PDB file of N, CA and C in Angstrom:
ATOM      1  N   TYR A   1       0.835  -1.203   0.000  1.00  0.00           N
ATOM      2  CA  TYR A   1       0.000   0.000   0.000  1.00  0.00           C
ATOM      3  C   TYR A   1       0.868   1.251   0.000  1.00  0.00           C
ATOM      4  N   THR A   2       0.509   2.176  -0.842  1.00  0.00           N
ATOM      5  CA  THR A   2       1.185   3.461  -0.858  1.00  0.00           C
ATOM      6  C   THR A   2       0.229   4.472  -0.249  1.00  0.00           C
ATOM      7  N   LEU A   3       0.669   5.133   0.798  1.00  0.00           N
ATOM      8  CA  LEU A   3      -0.197   6.119   1.436  1.00  0.00           C
ATOM      9  C   LEU A   3       0.072   7.474   0.796  1.00  0.00           C
ATOM     10  N   MET A   4      -0.781   7.840  -0.155  1.00  0.00           N
ATOM     11  CA  MET A   4      -0.557   9.069  -0.907  1.00  0.00           C
ATOM     12  C   MET A   4      -1.296  10.262  -0.318  1.00  0.00           C
ATOM     13  N   GLY A   5      -2.463  10.021   0.193  1.00  0.00           N
ATOM     14  CA  GLY A   5      -3.199  11.134   0.771  1.00  0.00           C
ATOM     15  C   GLY A   5      -3.823  12.049  -0.259  1.00  0.00           C
ATOM     16  N   HIS A   6      -4.781  11.528  -1.006  1.00  0.00           N
ATOM     17  CA  HIS A   6      -5.514  12.326  -1.987  1.00  0.00           C
ATOM     18  C   HIS A   6      -6.769  12.943  -1.377  1.00  0.00           C
ATOM     19  N   TRP A   7      -6.803  13.030  -0.036  1.00  0.00           N
ATOM     20  CA  TRP A   7      -7.985  13.502   0.679  1.00  0.00           C
ATOM     21  C   TRP A   7      -7.604  14.583   1.666  1.00  0.00           C
ATOM     22  N   LYS A   8      -8.525  15.516   1.929  1.00  0.00           N
ATOM     23  CA  LYS A   8      -8.272  16.576   2.912  1.00  0.00           C
ATOM     24  C   LYS A   8      -8.071  15.971   4.295  1.00  0.00           C
ATOM     25  N   ASN A   9      -8.859  14.925   4.612  1.00  0.00           N
ATOM     26  CA  ASN A   9      -8.726  14.197   5.873  1.00  0.00           C
ATOM     27  C   ASN A   9      -8.716  12.711   5.592  1.00  0.00           C
ATOM     28  N   LEU A  10      -7.676  12.014   6.024  1.00  0.00           N
ATOM     29  CA  LEU A  10      -7.656  10.556   5.906  1.00  0.00           C
ATOM     30  C   LEU A  10      -8.434   9.933   7.064  1.00  0.00           C
ATOM     31  N   ASN A  11      -8.578  10.683   8.162  1.00  0.00           N
ATOM     32  CA  ASN A  11      -9.288  10.199   9.344  1.00  0.00           C
ATOM     33  C   ASN A  11     -10.382  11.178   9.716  1.00  0.00           C
ATOM     34  N   ILE A  12     -11.569  10.646   9.982  1.00  0.00           N
ATOM     35  CA  ILE A  12     -12.660  11.468  10.479  1.00  0.00           C
ATOM     36  C   ILE A  12     -13.093  10.892  11.814  1.00  0.00           C
ATOM     37  N   ASN A  13     -13.072  11.739  12.856  1.00  0.00           N
ATOM     38  CA  ASN A  13     -13.489  11.313  14.188  1.00  0.00           C
ATOM     39  C   ASN A  13     -14.863  11.903  14.467  1.00  0.00           C
ATOM     40  N   LEU A  14     -15.828  11.029  14.683  1.00  0.00           N
ATOM     41  CA  LEU A  14     -17.201  11.462  14.958  1.00  0.00           C
ATOM     42  C   LEU A  14     -17.405  11.840  16.419  1.00  0.00           C
ATOM     43  N   GLY A  15     -16.382  11.607  17.247  1.00  0.00           N
ATOM     44  CA  GLY A  15     -16.497  11.916  18.663  1.00  0.00           C
ATOM     45  C   GLY A  15     -17.363  10.892  19.371  1.00  0.00           C
ATOM     46  N   VAL A  16     -18.135  11.325  20.347  1.00  0.00           N
ATOM     47  CA  VAL A  16     -19.021  10.424  21.089  1.00  0.00           C
ATOM     48  C   VAL A  16     -20.374  10.380  20.384  1.00  0.00           C
ATOM     49  N   ILE A  17     -20.799   9.168  20.009  1.00  0.00           N
ATOM     50  CA  ILE A  17     -22.077   8.998  19.314  1.00  0.00           C
ATOM     51  C   ILE A  17     -22.930   7.970  20.041  1.00  0.00           C
ATOM     52  N   LYS A  18     -24.220   8.095  19.918  1.00  0.00           N
ATOM     53  CA  LYS A  18     -25.145   7.148  20.531  1.00  0.00           C
ATOM     54  C   LYS A  18     -25.357   5.968  19.582  1.00  0.00           C
ATOM     55  N   ALA A  19     -25.330   4.755  20.124  1.00  0.00           N
ATOM     56  CA  ALA A  19     -25.513   3.545  19.317  1.00  0.00           C
ATOM     57  C   ALA A  19     -26.900   3.520  18.687  1.00  0.00           C
ATOM     58  N   GLY A  20     -26.977   2.926  17.502  1.00  0.00           N
ATOM     59  CA  GLY A  20     -28.268   2.664  16.891  1.00  0.00           C
ATOM     60  C   GLY A  20     -28.724   3.633  15.826  1.00  0.00           C
ATOM     61  N   LYS A  21     -28.058   4.772  15.655  1.00  0.00           N
ATOM     62  CA  LYS A  21     -28.479   5.735  14.632  1.00  0.00           C
ATOM     63  C   LYS A  21     -27.394   5.809  13.559  1.00  0.00           C
ATOM     64  N   ALA A  22     -27.770   5.478  12.316  1.00  0.00           N
ATOM     65  CA  ALA A  22     -26.809   5.507  11.204  1.00  0.00           C
ATOM     66  C   ALA A  22     -26.230   6.908  11.041  1.00  0.00           C
ATOM     67  N   ARG A  23     -24.981   6.961  10.635  1.00  0.00           N
ATOM     68  CA  ARG A  23     -24.298   8.243  10.438  1.00  0.00           C
ATOM     69  C   ARG A  23     -23.740   8.311   9.033  1.00  0.00           C
ATOM     70  N   LYS A  24     -23.874   9.487   8.421  1.00  0.00           N
ATOM     71  CA  LYS A  24     -23.292   9.731   7.100  1.00  0.00           C
ATOM     72  C   LYS A  24     -21.955  10.424   7.321  1.00  0.00           C
ATOM     73  N   VAL A  25     -20.903   9.903   6.694  1.00  0.00           N
ATOM     74  CA  VAL A  25     -19.564  10.466   6.825  1.00  0.00           C
ATOM     75  C   VAL A  25     -19.093  10.857   5.431  1.00  0.00           C
ATOM     76  N   VAL A  26     -18.609  12.096   5.281  1.00  0.00           N
ATOM     77  CA  VAL A  26     -18.196  12.582   3.962  1.00  0.00           C
ATOM     78  C   VAL A  26     -16.708  12.920   3.979  1.00  0.00           C
ATOM     79  N   PHE A  27     -15.953  12.231   3.119  1.00  0.00           N
ATOM     80  CA  PHE A  27     -14.532  12.534   2.918  1.00  0.00           C
ATOM     81  C   PHE A  27     -14.427  13.444   1.699  1.00  0.00           C
ATOM     82  N   GLU A  28     -13.584  14.487   1.806  1.00  0.00           N
ATOM     83  CA  GLU A  28     -13.398  15.424   0.697  1.00  0.00           C
ATOM     84  C   GLU A  28     -12.050  15.188   0.022  1.00  0.00           C
ATOM     85  N   ALA A  29     -12.092  15.035  -1.301  1.00  0.00           N
ATOM     86  CA  ALA A  29     -10.881  14.775  -2.074  1.00  0.00           C
ATOM     87  C   ALA A  29     -10.136  16.072  -2.368  1.00  0.00           C
ATOM     88  N   LEU A  30      -8.824  15.946  -2.550  1.00  0.00           N
ATOM     89  CA  LEU A  30      -8.023  17.059  -3.044  1.00  0.00           C
ATOM     90  C   LEU A  30      -8.258  17.149  -4.556  1.00  0.00           C
ATOM     91  N   THR A  31      -7.816  18.224  -5.177  1.00  0.00           N
ATOM     92  CA  THR A  31      -8.129  18.455  -6.594  1.00  0.00           C
ATOM     93  C   THR A  31      -7.435  17.490  -7.552  1.00  0.00           C
ATOM     94  N   ASP A  32      -6.308  16.919  -7.174  1.00  0.00           N
ATOM     95  CA  ASP A  32      -5.534  16.092  -8.110  1.00  0.00           C
ATOM     96  C   ASP A  32      -5.780  14.592  -7.933  1.00  0.00           C
ATOM     97  N   ILE A  33      -6.971  14.202  -7.506  1.00  0.00           N
ATOM     98  CA  ILE A  33      -7.238  12.793  -7.217  1.00  0.00           C
ATOM     99  C   ILE A  33      -7.270  11.963  -8.505  1.00  0.00           C
ATOM    100  N   PRO A  34      -6.541  10.822  -8.528  1.00  0.00           N
ATOM    101  CA  PRO A  34      -6.585   9.945  -9.710  1.00  0.00           C
ATOM    102  C   PRO A  34      -7.940   9.233  -9.809  1.00  0.00           C
ATOM    103  N   GLU A  35      -8.166   8.561 -10.932  1.00  0.00           N
ATOM    104  CA  GLU A  35      -9.413   7.811 -11.106  1.00  0.00           C
ATOM    105  C   GLU A  35      -9.483   6.677 -10.083  1.00  0.00           C
ATOM    106  N   ILE A  36     -10.631   6.561  -9.413  1.00  0.00           N
ATOM    107  CA  ILE A  36     -10.837   5.518  -8.394  1.00  0.00           C
ATOM    108  C   ILE A  36     -11.305   4.246  -9.091  1.00  0.00           C
ATOM    109  N   THR A  37     -10.645   3.114  -8.759  1.00  0.00           N
ATOM    110  CA  THR A  37     -11.046   1.830  -9.341  1.00  0.00           C
ATOM    111  C   THR A  37     -11.778   0.952  -8.335  1.00  0.00           C
ATOM    112  N   ALA A  38     -11.552   1.171  -7.018  1.00  0.00           N
ATOM    113  CA  ALA A  38     -12.235   0.362  -6.008  1.00  0.00           C
ATOM    114  C   ALA A  38     -12.323   1.105  -4.687  1.00  0.00           C
ATOM    115  N   ILE A  39     -13.446   0.919  -3.998  1.00  0.00           N
ATOM    116  CA  ILE A  39     -13.640   1.428  -2.646  1.00  0.00           C
ATOM    117  C   ILE A  39     -13.996   0.209  -1.800  1.00  0.00           C
ATOM    118  N   THR A  40     -13.098  -0.164  -0.874  1.00  0.00           N
ATOM    119  CA  THR A  40     -13.247  -1.412  -0.137  1.00  0.00           C
ATOM    120  C   THR A  40     -13.362  -1.172   1.362  1.00  0.00           C
ATOM    121  N   PRO A  41     -14.572  -1.282   1.931  1.00  0.00           N
ATOM    122  CA  PRO A  41     -14.709  -1.192   3.381  1.00  0.00           C
ATOM    123  C   PRO A  41     -14.299  -2.521   4.014  1.00  0.00           C
ATOM    124  N   TYR A  42     -13.753  -2.467   5.234  1.00  0.00           N
ATOM    125  CA  TYR A  42     -13.311  -3.670   5.926  1.00  0.00           C
ATOM    126  C   TYR A  42     -14.385  -4.208   6.863  1.00  0.00           C
ATOM    127  N   CYS A  43     -15.573  -3.602   6.853  1.00  0.00           N
ATOM    128  CA  CYS A  43     -16.641  -4.010   7.754  1.00  0.00           C
ATOM    129  C   CYS A  43     -17.963  -3.782   7.028  1.00  0.00           C
ATOM    130  N   GLY A  44     -18.907  -4.701   7.221  1.00  0.00           N
ATOM    131  CA  GLY A  44     -20.213  -4.560   6.596  1.00  0.00           C
ATOM    132  C   GLY A  44     -21.001  -3.359   7.097  1.00  0.00           C
ATOM    133  N   CYS A  45     -20.546  -2.785   8.217  1.00  0.00           N
ATOM    134  CA  CYS A  45     -21.265  -1.641   8.793  1.00  0.00           C
ATOM    135  C   CYS A  45     -20.873  -0.324   8.124  1.00  0.00           C
ATOM    136  N   THR A  46     -19.857  -0.349   7.247  1.00  0.00           N
ATOM    137  CA  THR A  46     -19.474   0.858   6.513  1.00  0.00           C
ATOM    138  C   THR A  46     -19.727   0.618   5.031  1.00  0.00           C
ATOM    139  N   ALA A  47     -20.713   1.325   4.481  1.00  0.00           N
ATOM    140  CA  ALA A  47     -21.091   1.134   3.084  1.00  0.00           C
ATOM    141  C   ALA A  47     -20.840   2.409   2.293  1.00  0.00           C
ATOM    142  N   PRO A  48     -19.945   2.332   1.290  1.00  0.00           N
ATOM    143  CA  PRO A  48     -19.746   3.510   0.453  1.00  0.00           C
ATOM    144  C   PRO A  48     -20.991   3.771  -0.372  1.00  0.00           C
ATOM    145  N   GLU A  49     -21.538   4.987  -0.280  1.00  0.00           N
ATOM    146  CA  GLU A  49     -22.705   5.334  -1.086  1.00  0.00           C
ATOM    147  C   GLU A  49     -22.253   5.665  -2.495  1.00  0.00           C
ATOM    148  N   LYS A  50     -21.352   6.640  -2.628  1.00  0.00           N
ATOM    149  CA  LYS A  50     -20.863   6.999  -3.960  1.00  0.00           C
ATOM    150  C   LYS A  50     -19.733   8.015  -3.842  1.00  0.00           C
ATOM    151  N   TYR A  51     -18.928   8.054  -4.891  1.00  0.00           N
ATOM    152  CA  TYR A  51     -17.934   9.118  -5.023  1.00  0.00           C
ATOM    153  C   TYR A  51     -18.514  10.112  -6.012  1.00  0.00           C
ATOM    154  N   ASN A  52     -18.684  11.352  -5.581  1.00  0.00           N
ATOM    155  CA  ASN A  52     -19.210  12.403  -6.442  1.00  0.00           C
ATOM    156  C   ASN A  52     -18.022  13.130  -7.072  1.00  0.00           C
ATOM    157  N   LYS A  53     -17.781  12.837  -8.337  1.00  0.00           N
ATOM    158  CA  LYS A  53     -16.621  13.390  -9.045  1.00  0.00           C
ATOM    159  C   LYS A  53     -16.666  14.919  -9.137  1.00  0.00           C
ATOM    160  N   GLU A  54     -17.853  15.471  -9.365  1.00  0.00           N
ATOM    161  CA  GLU A  54     -18.000  16.930  -9.505  1.00  0.00           C
ATOM    162  C   GLU A  54     -17.660  17.643  -8.188  1.00  0.00           C
ATOM    163  N   LYS A  55     -18.182  17.140  -7.096  1.00  0.00           N
ATOM    164  CA  LYS A  55     -17.947  17.762  -5.791  1.00  0.00           C
ATOM    165  C   LYS A  55     -16.655  17.281  -5.135  1.00  0.00           C
ATOM    166  N   GLY A  56     -16.127  16.137  -5.589  1.00  0.00           N
ATOM    167  CA  GLY A  56     -14.929  15.570  -4.974  1.00  0.00           C
ATOM    168  C   GLY A  56     -15.205  15.030  -3.577  1.00  0.00           C
ATOM    169  N   THR A  57     -16.379  14.398  -3.397  1.00  0.00           N
ATOM    170  CA  THR A  57     -16.731  13.866  -2.082  1.00  0.00           C
ATOM    171  C   THR A  57     -17.048  12.374  -2.154  1.00  0.00           C
ATOM    172  N   LEU A  58     -16.621  11.660  -1.135  1.00  0.00           N
ATOM    173  CA  LEU A  58     -16.943  10.243  -0.979  1.00  0.00           C
ATOM    174  C   LEU A  58     -17.815  10.124   0.263  1.00  0.00           C
ATOM    175  N   THR A  59     -19.044   9.654   0.069  1.00  0.00           N
ATOM    176  CA  THR A  59     -19.989   9.514   1.176  1.00  0.00           C
ATOM    177  C   THR A  59     -20.014   8.063   1.637  1.00  0.00           C
ATOM    178  N   ILE A  60     -19.840   7.866   2.933  1.00  0.00           N
ATOM    179  CA  ILE A  60     -19.871   6.535   3.545  1.00  0.00           C
ATOM    180  C   ILE A  60     -21.020   6.515   4.554  1.00  0.00           C
ATOM    181  N   MET A  61     -21.848   5.483   4.528  1.00  0.00           N
ATOM    182  CA  MET A  61     -22.879   5.305   5.547  1.00  0.00           C
ATOM    183  C   MET A  61     -22.350   4.309   6.574  1.00  0.00           C
ATOM    184  N   TYR A  62     -22.290   4.753   7.822  1.00  0.00           N
ATOM    185  CA  TYR A  62     -21.880   3.885   8.925  1.00  0.00           C
ATOM    186  C   TYR A  62     -23.151   3.472   9.649  1.00  0.00           C
ATOM    187  N   SER A  63     -23.473   2.176   9.643  1.00  0.00           N
ATOM    188  CA  SER A  63     -24.764   1.701  10.154  1.00  0.00           C
ATOM    189  C   SER A  63     -24.922   1.857  11.663  1.00  0.00           C
ATOM    190  N   ASN A  64     -23.802   1.874  12.414  1.00  0.00           N
ATOM    191  CA  ASN A  64     -23.817   2.192  13.843  1.00  0.00           C
ATOM    192  C   ASN A  64     -24.820   1.354  14.625  1.00  0.00           C
ATOM    193  N   GLY A  65     -24.634   0.038  14.592  1.00  0.00           N
ATOM    194  CA  GLY A  65     -25.532  -0.874  15.292  1.00  0.00           C
ATOM    195  C   GLY A  65     -25.397  -0.794  16.802  1.00  0.00           C
ATOM    196  N   ALA A  66     -26.170  -1.629  17.474  1.00  0.00           N
ATOM    197  CA  ALA A  66     -26.162  -1.671  18.935  1.00  0.00           C
ATOM    198  C   ALA A  66     -24.814  -2.167  19.457  1.00  0.00           C
ATOM    199  N   ILE A  67     -24.479  -1.773  20.660  1.00  0.00           N
ATOM    200  CA  ILE A  67     -23.262  -2.251  21.311  1.00  0.00           C
ATOM    201  C   ILE A  67     -23.542  -3.667  21.836  1.00  0.00           C
ATOM    202  N   PRO A  68     -22.663  -4.636  21.534  1.00  0.00           N
ATOM    203  CA  PRO A  68     -22.883  -6.002  22.029  1.00  0.00           C
ATOM    204  C   PRO A  68     -22.979  -6.025  23.558  1.00  0.00           C
ATOM    205  N   ASN A  69     -23.838  -6.913  24.082  1.00  0.00           N
ATOM    206  CA  ASN A  69     -24.070  -6.998  25.530  1.00  0.00           C
ATOM    207  C   ASN A  69     -22.794  -7.233  26.333  1.00  0.00           C
ATOM    208  N   GLN A  70     -21.839  -7.982  25.768  1.00  0.00           N
ATOM    209  CA  GLN A  70     -20.620  -8.294  26.509  1.00  0.00           C
ATOM    210  C   GLN A  70     -19.673  -7.101  26.633  1.00  0.00           C
ATOM    211  N   VAL A  71     -19.911  -6.049  25.865  1.00  0.00           N
ATOM    212  CA  VAL A  71     -19.066  -4.860  25.937  1.00  0.00           C
ATOM    213  C   VAL A  71     -19.582  -3.954  27.056  1.00  0.00           C
ATOM    214  N   GLN A  72     -18.725  -3.727  28.040  1.00  0.00           N
ATOM    215  CA  GLN A  72     -19.092  -2.860  29.159  1.00  0.00           C
ATOM    216  C   GLN A  72     -18.636  -1.438  28.854  1.00  0.00           C
ATOM    217  N   GLY A  73     -19.503  -0.476  29.094  1.00  0.00           N
ATOM    218  CA  GLY A  73     -19.134   0.921  28.885  1.00  0.00           C
ATOM    219  C   GLY A  73     -19.078   1.283  27.416  1.00  0.00           C
ATOM    220  N   PRO A  74     -18.392   2.388  27.099  1.00  0.00           N
ATOM    221  CA  PRO A  74     -18.318   2.864  25.711  1.00  0.00           C
ATOM    222  C   PRO A  74     -17.543   1.884  24.822  1.00  0.00           C
ATOM    223  N   GLN A  75     -17.875   1.885  23.544  1.00  0.00           N
ATOM    224  CA  GLN A  75     -17.185   1.035  22.575  1.00  0.00           C
ATOM    225  C   GLN A  75     -16.392   1.923  21.631  1.00  0.00           C
ATOM    226  N   SER A  76     -15.102   1.628  21.510  1.00  0.00           N
ATOM    227  CA  SER A  76     -14.238   2.392  20.610  1.00  0.00           C
ATOM    228  C   SER A  76     -14.383   1.854  19.189  1.00  0.00           C
ATOM    229  N   ILE A  77     -14.628   2.754  18.237  1.00  0.00           N
ATOM    230  CA  ILE A  77     -14.853   2.374  16.844  1.00  0.00           C
ATOM    231  C   ILE A  77     -13.679   2.874  15.998  1.00  0.00           C
ATOM    232  N   ASN A  78     -13.174   2.001  15.124  1.00  0.00           N
ATOM    233  CA  ASN A  78     -12.119   2.373  14.193  1.00  0.00           C
ATOM    234  C   ASN A  78     -12.370   1.588  12.907  1.00  0.00           C
ATOM    235  N   LYS A  79     -13.014   2.216  11.915  1.00  0.00           N
ATOM    236  CA  LYS A  79     -13.412   1.543  10.679  1.00  0.00           C
ATOM    237  C   LYS A  79     -12.522   1.975   9.529  1.00  0.00           C
ATOM    238  N   ARG A  80     -12.070   0.997   8.750  1.00  0.00           N
ATOM    239  CA  ARG A  80     -11.134   1.252   7.649  1.00  0.00           C
ATOM    240  C   ARG A  80     -11.837   1.079   6.308  1.00  0.00           C
ATOM    241  N   ILE A  81     -11.537   1.997   5.399  1.00  0.00           N
ATOM    242  CA  ILE A  81     -12.008   1.936   4.020  1.00  0.00           C
ATOM    243  C   ILE A  81     -10.804   2.186   3.113  1.00  0.00           C
ATOM    244  N   ASP A  82     -10.513   1.249   2.228  1.00  0.00           N
ATOM    245  CA  ASP A  82      -9.415   1.430   1.274  1.00  0.00           C
ATOM    246  C   ASP A  82      -9.958   2.005  -0.025  1.00  0.00           C
ATOM    247  N   VAL A  83      -9.252   3.000  -0.559  1.00  0.00           N
ATOM    248  CA  VAL A  83      -9.603   3.576  -1.855  1.00  0.00           C
ATOM    249  C   VAL A  83      -8.427   3.295  -2.790  1.00  0.00           C
ATOM    250  N   THR A  84      -8.690   2.530  -3.855  1.00  0.00           N
ATOM    251  CA  THR A  84      -7.648   2.141  -4.802  1.00  0.00           C
ATOM    252  C   THR A  84      -7.836   2.930  -6.098  1.00  0.00           C
ATOM    253  N   TYR A  85      -6.708   3.339  -6.678  1.00  0.00           N
ATOM    254  CA  TYR A  85      -6.732   4.192  -7.871  1.00  0.00           C
ATOM    255  C   TYR A  85      -6.175   3.444  -9.077  1.00  0.00           C
ATOM    256  N   LYS A  86      -6.465   3.970 -10.248  1.00  0.00           N
ATOM    257  CA  LYS A  86      -5.977   3.408 -11.507  1.00  0.00           C
ATOM    258  C   LYS A  86      -4.447   3.384 -11.543  1.00  0.00           C
ATOM    259  N   THR A  87      -3.823   4.304 -10.797  1.00  0.00           N
ATOM    260  CA  THR A  87      -2.361   4.389 -10.744  1.00  0.00           C
ATOM    261  C   THR A  87      -1.741   3.247  -9.932  1.00  0.00           C
ATOM    262  N   GLY A  88      -2.588   2.464  -9.217  1.00  0.00           N
ATOM    263  CA  GLY A  88      -2.082   1.392  -8.363  1.00  0.00           C
ATOM    264  C   GLY A  88      -1.919   1.817  -6.909  1.00  0.00           C
ATOM    265  N   GLU A  89      -2.063   3.107  -6.636  1.00  0.00           N
ATOM    266  CA  GLU A  89      -1.947   3.613  -5.273  1.00  0.00           C
ATOM    267  C   GLU A  89      -3.204   3.270  -4.479  1.00  0.00           C
ATOM    268  N   THR A  90      -3.066   3.261  -3.158  1.00  0.00           N
ATOM    269  CA  THR A  90      -4.210   3.056  -2.268  1.00  0.00           C
ATOM    270  C   THR A  90      -4.120   4.032  -1.113  1.00  0.00           C
ATOM    271  N   ASP A  91      -5.246   4.676  -0.808  1.00  0.00           N
ATOM    272  CA  ASP A  91      -5.357   5.488   0.403  1.00  0.00           C
ATOM    273  C   ASP A  91      -6.187   4.713   1.407  1.00  0.00           C
ATOM    274  N   ILE A  92      -5.822   4.831   2.679  1.00  0.00           N
ATOM    275  CA  ILE A  92      -6.582   4.203   3.750  1.00  0.00           C
ATOM    276  C   ILE A  92      -7.324   5.305   4.502  1.00  0.00           C
ATOM    277  N   LEU A  93      -8.655   5.272   4.417  1.00  0.00           N
ATOM    278  CA  LEU A  93      -9.489   6.233   5.135  1.00  0.00           C
ATOM    279  C   LEU A  93     -10.015   5.547   6.400  1.00  0.00           C
ATOM    280  N   THR A  94     -10.128   6.289   7.489  1.00  0.00           N
ATOM    281  CA  THR A  94     -10.667   5.701   8.711  1.00  0.00           C
ATOM    282  C   THR A  94     -11.735   6.590   9.321  1.00  0.00           C
ATOM    283  N   ILE A  95     -12.725   5.924   9.894  1.00  0.00           N
ATOM    284  CA  ILE A  95     -13.787   6.581  10.658  1.00  0.00           C
ATOM    285  C   ILE A  95     -13.616   6.120  12.097  1.00  0.00           C
ATOM    286  N   LYS A  96     -13.495   7.083  13.003  1.00  0.00           N
ATOM    287  CA  LYS A  96     -13.328   6.760  14.420  1.00  0.00           C
ATOM    288  C   LYS A  96     -14.475   7.368  15.208  1.00  0.00           C
ATOM    289  N   ALA A  97     -14.810   6.739  16.337  1.00  0.00           N
ATOM    290  CA  ALA A  97     -15.848   7.248  17.211  1.00  0.00           C
ATOM    291  C   ALA A  97     -15.790   6.511  18.543  1.00  0.00           C
ATOM    292  N   THR A  98     -16.436   7.078  19.530  1.00  0.00           N
ATOM    293  CA  THR A  98     -16.688   6.384  20.782  1.00  0.00           C
ATOM    294  C   THR A  98     -18.190   6.246  20.883  1.00  0.00           C
ATOM    295  N   LYS A  99     -18.637   4.990  20.874  1.00  0.00           N
ATOM    296  CA  LYS A  99     -20.071   4.704  20.842  1.00  0.00           C
ATOM    297  C   LYS A  99     -20.567   4.431  22.265  1.00  0.00           C
ATOM    298  N   ILE A 100     -21.699   5.063  22.617  1.00  0.00           N
ATOM    299  CA  ILE A 100     -22.308   4.846  23.934  1.00  0.00           C
ATOM    300  C   ILE A 100     -23.734   4.324  23.753  1.00  0.00           C
ATOM    301  N   ARG A 101     -24.257   3.691  24.800  1.00  0.00           N
ATOM    302  CA  ARG A 101     -25.630   3.157  24.739  1.00  0.00           C
ATOM    303  C   ARG A 101     -26.648   4.264  24.837  1.00  0.00           C
TER     304      ARG A 101
END
């Protein structure tokens, strides 16, 4: 993986969020972004909606399900999404949060 950073933010922290309500997360691309060939989330709870070429935005829906019963207290979230380009480069985007009941 080559970490090129074709985005204004590679990491977005949602802060403290309540479990159970889906969240829309928008990553903003820099102007020189190469053609995207794949957007690969590492978890079924993060679904890429679309990359808007005109606006330079990638919208991700984070489903934000319930906290499992065995987890005591807040749950730390760190979700990875790989963006692969025609050039062969890959950027790793992450969504972070602290989820509470």
